[in-house]
């Protein structure tokens, strides 16, 4: 009878031990989730504040997917973004990605010609160093935005694709962006 009691006591202790660590793990996971939601809230707010359908839909997708993953792509192609929208989004992206609770894997704001060089430069400067894909195709960007793109490429650690064609870069800027791409192993640069 004593071996049965010992076995039962051992089983109960093991179960309680498991519940304790499972609760701690769940608590840590919930804390991480809360930190992540706090991190992306300004980004969700900035996207919704544009009142542009593409941006509002992106905010809803990001919000819905955040329960499952803290890694996302932000596709704002042909969203009708202007410079003011870009400045607000840049600040929100910087906030969302700075603590590590959220990772922006890919970003595209292609075909937004009203974004302007100032807005584009702010967005590019806000991109995290570990971004994998970036696109600002057909945004009427000039060499001011090109300078920001070259600076971003110099600090990007995981960039695999950058598409910035159909802009108004000078021939010299096209060469600088192309050269910056050569320094990124395995990165496809379309300019």
Protein backbone atom coordinates (compact mmCIF):
# COMPACT_ATOMS: atom_id res chain seq x y z
CA UNK A 1 0.00 0.00 0.00
CA UNK A 2 2.87 2.40 0.80
CA UNK A 3 4.36 2.14 -2.72
CA UNK A 4 0.96 3.05 -4.14
CA UNK A 5 0.76 6.13 -1.88
CA UNK A 6 4.29 7.15 -2.87
CA UNK A 7 3.45 6.74 -6.53
CA UNK A 8 0.24 8.72 -6.09
CA UNK A 9 2.03 11.47 -4.14
CA UNK A 10 4.76 11.56 -6.77
CA UNK A 11 2.17 11.85 -9.55
CA UNK A 12 0.34 14.67 -7.76
CA UNK A 13 3.62 16.51 -7.17
CA UNK A 14 4.60 16.12 -10.82
CA UNK A 15 1.18 17.38 -11.93
CA UNK A 16 1.37 20.42 -9.64
CA UNK A 17 4.92 21.11 -10.81
CA UNK A 18 3.73 20.95 -14.44
CA UNK A 19 0.76 23.24 -13.75
CA UNK A 20 3.06 25.74 -12.02
CA UNK A 21 5.47 25.95 -14.94
CA UNK A 22 2.68 25.83 -17.50
CA UNK A 23 1.03 28.78 -15.74
CA UNK A 24 4.32 30.69 -15.69
CA UNK A 25 4.81 30.00 -19.40
CA UNK A 26 1.24 31.07 -20.15
CA UNK A 27 1.72 34.20 -18.04
CA UNK A 28 4.93 35.04 -19.91
CA UNK A 29 3.19 34.43 -23.23
CA UNK A 30 0.29 36.70 -22.21
CA UNK A 31 2.75 39.38 -21.12
CA UNK A 32 4.52 39.10 -24.48
CA UNK A 33 1.17 39.33 -26.28
CA UNK A 34 0.22 42.42 -24.26
CA UNK A 35 3.57 44.07 -25.01
CA UNK A 36 3.13 43.30 -28.70
CA UNK A 37 -0.37 44.74 -28.84
CA UNK A 38 0.88 47.83 -27.04
CA UNK A 39 3.71 48.12 -29.61
CA UNK A 40 1.49 47.92 -32.70
CA UNK A 41 -1.40 50.01 -31.40
CA UNK A 42 0.00 53.31 -32.78
CA UNK A 43 0.53 51.62 -36.15
CA UNK A 44 -3.05 50.36 -36.22
CA UNK A 45 -4.25 53.83 -35.23
CA UNK A 46 -2.15 55.55 -37.91
CA UNK A 47 -3.37 53.15 -40.60
CA UNK A 48 -7.01 53.63 -39.62
CA UNK A 49 -6.62 57.41 -39.28
CA UNK A 50 -5.80 57.71 -42.99
CA UNK A 51 -9.37 56.60 -43.73
CA UNK A 52 -7.99 55.09 -46.92
CA UNK A 53 -9.54 51.68 -47.71
CA UNK A 54 -6.19 49.96 -48.41
CA UNK A 55 -4.75 51.20 -45.10
CA UNK A 56 -7.86 50.38 -43.07
CA UNK A 57 -7.88 46.85 -44.53
CA UNK A 58 -4.16 46.49 -43.72
CA UNK A 59 -4.86 47.51 -40.12
CA UNK A 60 -7.63 44.91 -39.84
CA UNK A 61 -5.40 42.16 -41.29
CA UNK A 62 -2.55 43.10 -38.98
CA UNK A 63 -4.82 43.20 -35.95
CA UNK A 64 -6.40 39.82 -36.77
CA UNK A 65 -3.09 38.09 -37.48
CA UNK A 66 -1.33 39.47 -34.41
CA UNK A 67 -2.94 36.85 -32.17
CA UNK A 68 -1.05 34.18 -34.15
CA UNK A 69 2.20 35.85 -35.19
CA UNK A 70 4.18 38.94 -34.35
CA UNK A 71 5.79 38.99 -37.81
CA UNK A 72 3.97 40.71 -40.66
CA UNK A 73 4.18 42.35 -44.05
CA UNK A 74 2.60 45.73 -44.65
CA UNK A 75 1.28 46.14 -48.19
CA UNK A 76 -0.01 49.63 -48.95
CA UNK A 77 0.20 49.56 -52.74
CA UNK A 78 -1.96 52.12 -54.57
CA UNK A 79 -3.37 53.32 -51.25
CA UNK A 80 -3.46 57.03 -52.21
CA UNK A 81 -0.96 57.90 -49.48
CA UNK A 82 0.29 61.47 -49.33
CA UNK A 83 3.23 62.98 -47.50
CA UNK A 84 1.27 63.59 -44.26
CA UNK A 85 0.11 59.96 -44.19
CA UNK A 86 3.68 58.80 -44.81
CA UNK A 87 5.06 60.89 -41.95
CA UNK A 88 2.46 59.52 -39.52
CA UNK A 89 3.04 55.94 -40.68
CA UNK A 90 6.82 56.35 -40.38
CA UNK A 91 6.52 57.40 -36.73
CA UNK A 92 4.13 54.51 -36.02
CA UNK A 93 6.34 51.94 -37.77
CA UNK A 94 9.37 53.12 -35.82
CA UNK A 95 7.44 52.76 -32.55
CA UNK A 96 6.03 49.34 -33.43
CA UNK A 97 9.36 47.81 -34.40
CA UNK A 98 11.75 49.29 -31.86
CA UNK A 99 11.15 46.97 -28.90
CA UNK A 100 11.24 43.63 -30.68
CA UNK A 101 7.64 42.72 -29.82
CA UNK A 102 6.71 43.14 -33.49
CA UNK A 103 8.75 42.39 -36.60
CA UNK A 104 8.01 44.02 -39.92
CA UNK A 105 9.21 41.53 -42.53
CA UNK A 106 8.13 43.30 -45.70
CA UNK A 107 6.89 46.75 -46.64
CA UNK A 108 5.46 48.10 -49.89
CA UNK A 109 3.94 51.49 -50.55
CA UNK A 110 4.37 51.27 -54.31
CA UNK A 111 2.25 53.34 -56.67
CA UNK A 112 1.62 56.18 -54.24
CA UNK A 113 3.01 59.13 -56.26
CA UNK A 114 1.66 61.70 -53.76
CA UNK A 115 3.88 60.32 -50.98
CA UNK A 116 6.59 62.82 -51.93
CA UNK A 117 10.28 62.72 -51.21
CA UNK A 118 9.88 63.95 -47.63
CA UNK A 119 7.28 61.30 -46.84
CA UNK A 120 9.23 58.58 -48.61
CA UNK A 121 12.48 59.52 -46.86
CA UNK A 122 10.71 59.37 -43.47
CA UNK A 123 9.23 55.95 -44.25
CA UNK A 124 12.58 54.60 -45.45
CA UNK A 125 14.34 55.93 -42.33
CA UNK A 126 11.74 54.18 -40.15
CA UNK A 127 12.35 50.77 -41.68
CA UNK A 128 13.90 48.26 -39.27
CA UNK A 129 17.38 46.88 -39.99
CA UNK A 130 15.97 43.34 -40.29
CA UNK A 131 13.45 44.08 -43.06
CA UNK A 132 13.51 41.43 -45.82
CA UNK A 133 11.51 43.09 -48.61
CA UNK A 134 10.96 46.73 -49.49
CA UNK A 135 9.11 48.45 -52.33
CA UNK A 136 8.47 52.03 -53.39
CA UNK A 137 7.82 51.54 -57.10
CA UNK A 138 6.25 54.35 -59.10
CA UNK A 139 6.19 56.93 -56.30
CA UNK A 140 7.73 59.87 -58.22
CA UNK A 141 10.77 59.77 -55.93
CA UNK A 142 13.78 61.98 -56.54
CA UNK A 143 17.37 61.87 -55.32
CA UNK A 144 16.42 63.10 -51.82
CA UNK A 145 14.44 59.90 -51.29
CA UNK A 146 17.23 58.03 -53.08
CA UNK A 147 19.72 59.20 -50.44
CA UNK A 148 17.46 57.77 -47.72
CA UNK A 149 17.19 54.49 -49.64
CA UNK A 150 20.99 54.19 -49.92
CA UNK A 151 21.36 54.93 -46.19
CA UNK A 152 18.76 52.26 -45.38
CA UNK A 153 20.49 49.72 -47.60
CA UNK A 154 23.78 50.39 -45.77
CA UNK A 155 22.25 49.35 -42.43
CA UNK A 156 19.90 46.63 -43.65
CA UNK A 157 21.05 43.24 -42.40
CA UNK A 158 18.53 40.87 -44.00
CA UNK A 159 17.28 42.71 -47.08
CA UNK A 160 16.54 40.25 -49.90
CA UNK A 161 14.44 42.33 -52.30
CA UNK A 162 14.25 46.07 -52.91
CA UNK A 163 12.13 47.44 -55.75
CA UNK A 164 12.31 51.17 -56.39
CA UNK A 165 11.93 51.39 -60.16
CA UNK A 166 9.67 53.79 -62.08
CA UNK A 167 10.81 56.79 -60.06
CA UNK A 168 12.58 60.00 -61.12
CA UNK A 169 16.07 59.23 -59.79
CA UNK A 170 19.03 60.73 -61.61
CA UNK A 171 21.38 58.39 -63.45
CA UNK A 172 23.94 58.92 -60.69
CA UNK A 173 21.38 57.93 -58.02
CA UNK A 174 20.42 54.79 -59.94
CA UNK A 175 24.12 53.87 -59.95
CA UNK A 176 24.41 54.53 -56.18
CA UNK A 177 21.38 52.36 -55.37
CA UNK A 178 22.68 49.62 -57.65
CA UNK A 179 26.11 49.77 -55.98
CA UNK A 180 24.54 49.66 -52.50
CA UNK A 181 22.71 46.51 -53.59
CA UNK A 182 25.98 44.84 -54.59
CA UNK A 183 27.06 45.10 -50.96
CA UNK A 184 24.01 43.11 -49.84
CA UNK A 185 24.65 39.40 -50.48
CA UNK A 186 21.71 37.70 -52.18
CA UNK A 187 19.65 40.88 -52.47
CA UNK A 188 17.66 41.53 -55.64
CA UNK A 189 17.70 45.24 -56.45
CA UNK A 190 15.32 46.59 -59.09
CA UNK A 191 15.87 50.28 -59.82
